[in-house]
PDB file of N, CA and C in Angstrom:
ATOM      1  N   MET A   1      -4.752  -2.229  16.816  1.00  0.00           N
ATOM      2  CA  MET A   1      -5.604  -1.410  15.967  1.00  0.00           C
ATOM      3  C   MET A   1      -4.944  -0.057  15.691  1.00  0.00           C
ATOM      4  N   LYS A   2      -4.410   0.568  16.739  1.00  0.00           N
ATOM      5  CA  LYS A   2      -3.788   1.876  16.567  1.00  0.00           C
ATOM      6  C   LYS A   2      -2.514   1.769  15.725  1.00  0.00           C
ATOM      7  N   GLN A   3      -1.751   0.695  15.908  1.00  0.00           N
ATOM      8  CA  GLN A   3      -0.525   0.521  15.128  1.00  0.00           C
ATOM      9  C   GLN A   3      -0.837   0.324  13.648  1.00  0.00           C
ATOM     10  N   ARG A   4      -1.886  -0.401  13.353  1.00  0.00           N
ATOM     11  CA  ARG A   4      -2.275  -0.621  11.958  1.00  0.00           C
ATOM     12  C   ARG A   4      -2.697   0.704  11.318  1.00  0.00           C
ATOM     13  N   PHE A   5      -3.431   1.524  12.069  1.00  0.00           N
ATOM     14  CA  PHE A   5      -3.858   2.826  11.560  1.00  0.00           C
ATOM     15  C   PHE A   5      -2.641   3.706  11.276  1.00  0.00           C
ATOM     16  N   ILE A   6      -1.684   3.738  12.182  1.00  0.00           N
ATOM     17  CA  ILE A   6      -0.471   4.533  11.996  1.00  0.00           C
ATOM     18  C   ILE A   6       0.315   4.028  10.790  1.00  0.00           C
ATOM     19  N   LYS A   7       0.348   2.701  10.597  1.00  0.00           N
ATOM     20  CA  LYS A   7       1.031   2.130   9.445  1.00  0.00           C
ATOM     21  C   LYS A   7       0.402   2.615   8.146  1.00  0.00           C
ATOM     22  N   TYR A   8      -0.925   2.597   8.064  1.00  0.00           N
ATOM     23  CA  TYR A   8      -1.609   3.048   6.856  1.00  0.00           C
ATOM     24  C   TYR A   8      -1.407   4.545   6.625  1.00  0.00           C
ATOM     25  N   ILE A   9      -1.397   5.323   7.701  1.00  0.00           N
ATOM     26  CA  ILE A   9      -1.161   6.764   7.568  1.00  0.00           C
ATOM     27  C   ILE A   9       0.242   7.016   7.019  1.00  0.00           C
ATOM     28  N   CYS A  10       1.229   6.336   7.583  1.00  0.00           N
ATOM     29  CA  CYS A  10       2.615   6.525   7.127  1.00  0.00           C
ATOM     30  C   CYS A  10       2.778   6.111   5.670  1.00  0.00           C
ATOM     31  N   LEU A  11       2.188   5.012   5.273  1.00  0.00           N
ATOM     32  CA  LEU A  11       2.275   4.571   3.881  1.00  0.00           C
ATOM     33  C   LEU A  11       1.571   5.543   2.940  1.00  0.00           C
ATOM     34  N   SER A  12       0.462   6.093   3.384  1.00  0.00           N
ATOM     35  CA  SER A  12      -0.242   7.080   2.572  1.00  0.00           C
ATOM     36  C   SER A  12       0.589   8.344   2.394  1.00  0.00           C
ATOM     37  N   ILE A  13       1.213   8.803   3.457  1.00  0.00           N
ATOM     38  CA  ILE A  13       2.074   9.989   3.376  1.00  0.00           C
ATOM     39  C   ILE A  13       3.260   9.725   2.459  1.00  0.00           C
ATOM     40  N   LEU A  14       3.875   8.564   2.576  1.00  0.00           N
ATOM     41  CA  LEU A  14       5.002   8.228   1.709  1.00  0.00           C
ATOM     42  C   LEU A  14       4.581   8.154   0.238  1.00  0.00           C
ATOM     43  N   GLY A  15       3.406   7.631  -0.011  1.00  0.00           N
ATOM     44  CA  GLY A  15       2.905   7.565  -1.377  1.00  0.00           C
ATOM     45  C   GLY A  15       2.668   8.945  -1.969  1.00  0.00           C
ATOM     46  N   GLU A  16       2.090   9.824  -1.188  1.00  0.00           N
ATOM     47  CA  GLU A  16       1.857  11.189  -1.667  1.00  0.00           C
ATOM     48  C   GLU A  16       3.176  11.927  -1.879  1.00  0.00           C
ATOM     49  N   MET A  17       4.155  11.697  -1.011  1.00  0.00           N
ATOM     50  CA  MET A  17       5.464  12.319  -1.191  1.00  0.00           C
ATOM     51  C   MET A  17       6.141  11.808  -2.461  1.00  0.00           C
ATOM     52  N   ALA A  18       5.987  10.515  -2.748  1.00  0.00           N
ATOM     53  CA  ALA A  18       6.574   9.945  -3.956  1.00  0.00           C
ATOM     54  C   ALA A  18       5.959  10.576  -5.204  1.00  0.00           C
ATOM     55  N   ILE A  19       4.653  10.765  -5.193  1.00  0.00           N
ATOM     56  CA  ILE A  19       3.997  11.403  -6.335  1.00  0.00           C
ATOM     57  C   ILE A  19       4.473  12.847  -6.478  1.00  0.00           C
ATOM     58  N   SER A  20       4.640  13.547  -5.369  1.00  0.00           N
ATOM     59  CA  SER A  20       5.120  14.931  -5.419  1.00  0.00           C
ATOM     60  C   SER A  20       6.536  15.009  -5.970  1.00  0.00           C
ATOM     61  N   PHE A  21       7.402  14.083  -5.557  1.00  0.00           N
ATOM     62  CA  PHE A  21       8.768  14.057  -6.087  1.00  0.00           C
ATOM     63  C   PHE A  21       8.776  13.704  -7.571  1.00  0.00           C
ATOM     64  N   TYR A  22       7.885  12.829  -7.974  1.00  0.00           N
ATOM     65  CA  TYR A  22       7.774  12.476  -9.387  1.00  0.00           C
ATOM     66  C   TYR A  22       7.384  13.702 -10.210  1.00  0.00           C
ATOM     67  N   ILE A  23       6.401  14.453  -9.748  1.00  0.00           N
ATOM     68  CA  ILE A  23       5.963  15.652 -10.459  1.00  0.00           C
ATOM     69  C   ILE A  23       7.076  16.687 -10.486  1.00  0.00           C
ATOM     70  N   LEU A  24       7.812  16.832  -9.385  1.00  0.00           N
ATOM     71  CA  LEU A  24       8.919  17.782  -9.329  1.00  0.00           C
ATOM     72  C   LEU A  24      10.008  17.406 -10.337  1.00  0.00           C
ATOM     73  N   ALA A  25      10.390  16.143 -10.369  1.00  0.00           N
ATOM     74  CA  ALA A  25      11.420  15.691 -11.310  1.00  0.00           C
ATOM     75  C   ALA A  25      10.928  15.822 -12.749  1.00  0.00           C
ATOM     76  N   ASP A  26       9.676  15.479 -12.979  1.00  0.00           N
ATOM     77  CA  ASP A  26       9.101  15.597 -14.311  1.00  0.00           C
ATOM     78  C   ASP A  26       9.116  17.049 -14.772  1.00  0.00           C
ATOM     79  N   THR A  27       8.764  17.965 -13.884  1.00  0.00           N
ATOM     80  CA  THR A  27       8.782  19.387 -14.206  1.00  0.00           C
ATOM     81  C   THR A  27      10.192  19.853 -14.561  1.00  0.00           C
ATOM     82  N   PHE A  28      11.177  19.412 -13.803  1.00  0.00           N
ATOM     83  CA  PHE A  28      12.561  19.807 -14.061  1.00  0.00           C
ATOM     84  C   PHE A  28      13.016  19.345 -15.440  1.00  0.00           C
ATOM     85  N   PHE A  29      12.785  18.079 -15.752  1.00  0.00           N
ATOM     86  CA  PHE A  29      13.258  17.545 -17.028  1.00  0.00           C
ATOM     87  C   PHE A  29      12.492  18.121 -18.213  1.00  0.00           C
ATOM     88  N   ILE A  30      11.208  18.360 -18.056  1.00  0.00           N
ATOM     89  CA  ILE A  30      10.445  18.980 -19.138  1.00  0.00           C
ATOM     90  C   ILE A  30      10.909  20.408 -19.361  1.00  0.00           C
ATOM     91  N   ALA A  31      11.195  21.134 -18.278  1.00  0.00           N
ATOM     92  CA  ALA A  31      11.682  22.513 -18.418  1.00  0.00           C
ATOM     93  C   ALA A  31      13.031  22.545 -19.125  1.00  0.00           C
ATOM     94  N   GLN A  32      13.899  21.585 -18.829  1.00  0.00           N
ATOM     95  CA  GLN A  32      15.207  21.547 -19.471  1.00  0.00           C
ATOM     96  C   GLN A  32      15.113  21.106 -20.937  1.00  0.00           C
ATOM     97  N   GLY A  33      14.227  20.186 -21.225  1.00  0.00           N
ATOM     98  CA  GLY A  33      14.162  19.624 -22.571  1.00  0.00           C
ATOM     99  C   GLY A  33      13.279  20.390 -23.536  1.00  0.00           C
ATOM    100  N   ILE A  34      12.110  20.798 -23.096  1.00  0.00           N
ATOM    101  CA  ILE A  34      11.145  21.400 -24.013  1.00  0.00           C
ATOM    102  C   ILE A  34      11.021  22.907 -23.790  1.00  0.00           C
ATOM    103  N   GLY A  35      11.009  23.325 -22.549  1.00  0.00           N
ATOM    104  CA  GLY A  35      10.922  24.749 -22.258  1.00  0.00           C
ATOM    105  C   GLY A  35       9.534  25.189 -21.824  1.00  0.00           C
ATOM    106  N   ASP A  36       9.207  26.418 -22.197  1.00  0.00           N
ATOM    107  CA  ASP A  36       7.968  27.041 -21.718  1.00  0.00           C
ATOM    108  C   ASP A  36       6.706  26.316 -22.171  1.00  0.00           C
ATOM    109  N   HIS A  37       6.682  25.876 -23.410  1.00  0.00           N
ATOM    110  CA  HIS A  37       5.480  25.197 -23.920  1.00  0.00           C
ATOM    111  C   HIS A  37       5.259  23.854 -23.211  1.00  0.00           C
ATOM    112  N   GLY A  38       6.342  23.171 -22.900  1.00  0.00           N
ATOM    113  CA  GLY A  38       6.221  21.914 -22.165  1.00  0.00           C
ATOM    114  C   GLY A  38       5.712  22.124 -20.757  1.00  0.00           C
ATOM    115  N   LEU A  39       6.190  23.185 -20.101  1.00  0.00           N
ATOM    116  CA  LEU A  39       5.713  23.485 -18.748  1.00  0.00           C
ATOM    117  C   LEU A  39       4.242  23.883 -18.755  1.00  0.00           C
ATOM    118  N   THR A  40       3.836  24.603 -19.798  1.00  0.00           N
ATOM    119  CA  THR A  40       2.424  24.967 -19.915  1.00  0.00           C
ATOM    120  C   THR A  40       1.560  23.719 -20.055  1.00  0.00           C
ATOM    121  N   ALA A  41       1.973  22.803 -20.908  1.00  0.00           N
ATOM    122  CA  ALA A  41       1.226  21.559 -21.094  1.00  0.00           C
ATOM    123  C   ALA A  41       1.201  20.735 -19.808  1.00  0.00           C
ATOM    124  N   LEU A  42       2.326  20.699 -19.117  1.00  0.00           N
ATOM    125  CA  LEU A  42       2.384  19.948 -17.858  1.00  0.00           C
ATOM    126  C   LEU A  42       1.460  20.559 -16.813  1.00  0.00           C
ATOM    127  N   ASN A  43       1.441  21.881 -16.716  1.00  0.00           N
ATOM    128  CA  ASN A  43       0.580  22.542 -15.738  1.00  0.00           C
ATOM    129  C   ASN A  43      -0.897  22.391 -16.075  1.00  0.00           C
ATOM    130  N   LEU A  44      -1.217  22.155 -17.320  1.00  0.00           N
ATOM    131  CA  LEU A  44      -2.597  21.860 -17.680  1.00  0.00           C
ATOM    132  C   LEU A  44      -2.949  20.397 -17.434  1.00  0.00           C
ATOM    133  N   ALA A  45      -1.958  19.511 -17.518  1.00  0.00           N
ATOM    134  CA  ALA A  45      -2.219  18.077 -17.366  1.00  0.00           C
ATOM    135  C   ALA A  45      -2.240  17.625 -15.907  1.00  0.00           C
ATOM    136  N   ILE A  46      -1.508  18.301 -15.036  1.00  0.00           N
ATOM    137  CA  ILE A  46      -1.422  17.861 -13.637  1.00  0.00           C
ATOM    138  C   ILE A  46      -2.786  17.862 -12.934  1.00  0.00           C
ATOM    139  N   PRO A  47      -3.637  18.891 -13.099  1.00  0.00           N
ATOM    140  CA  PRO A  47      -4.963  18.804 -12.450  1.00  0.00           C
ATOM    141  C   PRO A  47      -5.800  17.634 -12.952  1.00  0.00           C
ATOM    142  N   VAL A  48      -5.686  17.322 -14.231  1.00  0.00           N
ATOM    143  CA  VAL A  48      -6.422  16.170 -14.778  1.00  0.00           C
ATOM    144  C   VAL A  48      -5.899  14.880 -14.151  1.00  0.00           C
ATOM    145  N   PHE A  49      -4.577  14.770 -14.026  1.00  0.00           N
ATOM    146  CA  PHE A  49      -3.968  13.610 -13.377  1.00  0.00           C
ATOM    147  C   PHE A  49      -4.459  13.485 -11.936  1.00  0.00           C
ATOM    148  N   ASN A  50      -4.507  14.608 -11.212  1.00  0.00           N
ATOM    149  CA  ASN A  50      -4.966  14.577  -9.825  1.00  0.00           C
ATOM    150  C   ASN A  50      -6.432  14.175  -9.734  1.00  0.00           C
ATOM    151  N   LEU A  51      -7.250  14.622 -10.664  1.00  0.00           N
ATOM    152  CA  LEU A  51      -8.658  14.245 -10.672  1.00  0.00           C
ATOM    153  C   LEU A  51      -8.817  12.740 -10.897  1.00  0.00           C
ATOM    154  N   ILE A  52      -8.105  12.216 -11.869  1.00  0.00           N
ATOM    155  CA  ILE A  52      -8.171  10.774 -12.143  1.00  0.00           C
ATOM    156  C   ILE A  52      -7.645   9.976 -10.957  1.00  0.00           C
ATOM    157  N   TYR A  53      -6.563  10.441 -10.360  1.00  0.00           N
ATOM    158  CA  TYR A  53      -5.986   9.780  -9.186  1.00  0.00           C
ATOM    159  C   TYR A  53      -6.979   9.790  -8.024  1.00  0.00           C
ATOM    160  N   GLY A  54      -7.629  10.926  -7.803  1.00  0.00           N
ATOM    161  CA  GLY A  54      -8.604  11.034  -6.712  1.00  0.00           C
ATOM    162  C   GLY A  54      -9.813  10.135  -6.917  1.00  0.00           C
ATOM    163  N   ILE A  55     -10.313  10.083  -8.146  1.00  0.00           N
ATOM    164  CA  ILE A  55     -11.436   9.197  -8.438  1.00  0.00           C
ATOM    165  C   ILE A  55     -11.035   7.739  -8.237  1.00  0.00           C
ATOM    166  N   GLY A  56      -9.829   7.388  -8.666  1.00  0.00           N
ATOM    167  CA  GLY A  56      -9.349   6.022  -8.448  1.00  0.00           C
ATOM    168  C   GLY A  56      -9.239   5.668  -6.974  1.00  0.00           C
ATOM    169  N   LEU A  57      -8.779   6.633  -6.172  1.00  0.00           N
ATOM    170  CA  LEU A  57      -8.701   6.389  -4.732  1.00  0.00           C
ATOM    171  C   LEU A  57     -10.088   6.217  -4.117  1.00  0.00           C
ATOM    172  N   MET A  58     -11.027   7.068  -4.535  1.00  0.00           N
ATOM    173  CA  MET A  58     -12.390   6.947  -3.987  1.00  0.00           C
ATOM    174  C   MET A  58     -13.012   5.604  -4.342  1.00  0.00           C
ATOM    175  N   LEU A  59     -12.817   5.160  -5.572  1.00  0.00           N
ATOM    176  CA  LEU A  59     -13.382   3.873  -5.974  1.00  0.00           C
ATOM    177  C   LEU A  59     -12.668   2.719  -5.293  1.00  0.00           C
ATOM    178  N   GLY A  60     -11.358   2.882  -5.098  1.00  0.00           N
ATOM    179  CA  GLY A  60     -10.589   1.815  -4.451  1.00  0.00           C
ATOM    180  C   GLY A  60     -10.919   1.649  -2.972  1.00  0.00           C
ATOM    181  N   ILE A  61     -11.200   2.770  -2.338  1.00  0.00           N
ATOM    182  CA  ILE A  61     -11.498   2.705  -0.903  1.00  0.00           C
ATOM    183  C   ILE A  61     -12.914   2.255  -0.707  1.00  0.00           C
TER     184      ILE A  61
END
């Protein structure tokens, strides 16, 4: 039971790290390609993405 719980915790942490790296890479490429306006749009879209992601997790669990 404890090993299964630790497995789920580790997978959850890895998933959140993957999303964070995705956002970091996305921010870098948008900053290089589009500039300030792209970063502004990205910073407005990320909270919406997090809200949708959180609702999906709540419904999934």
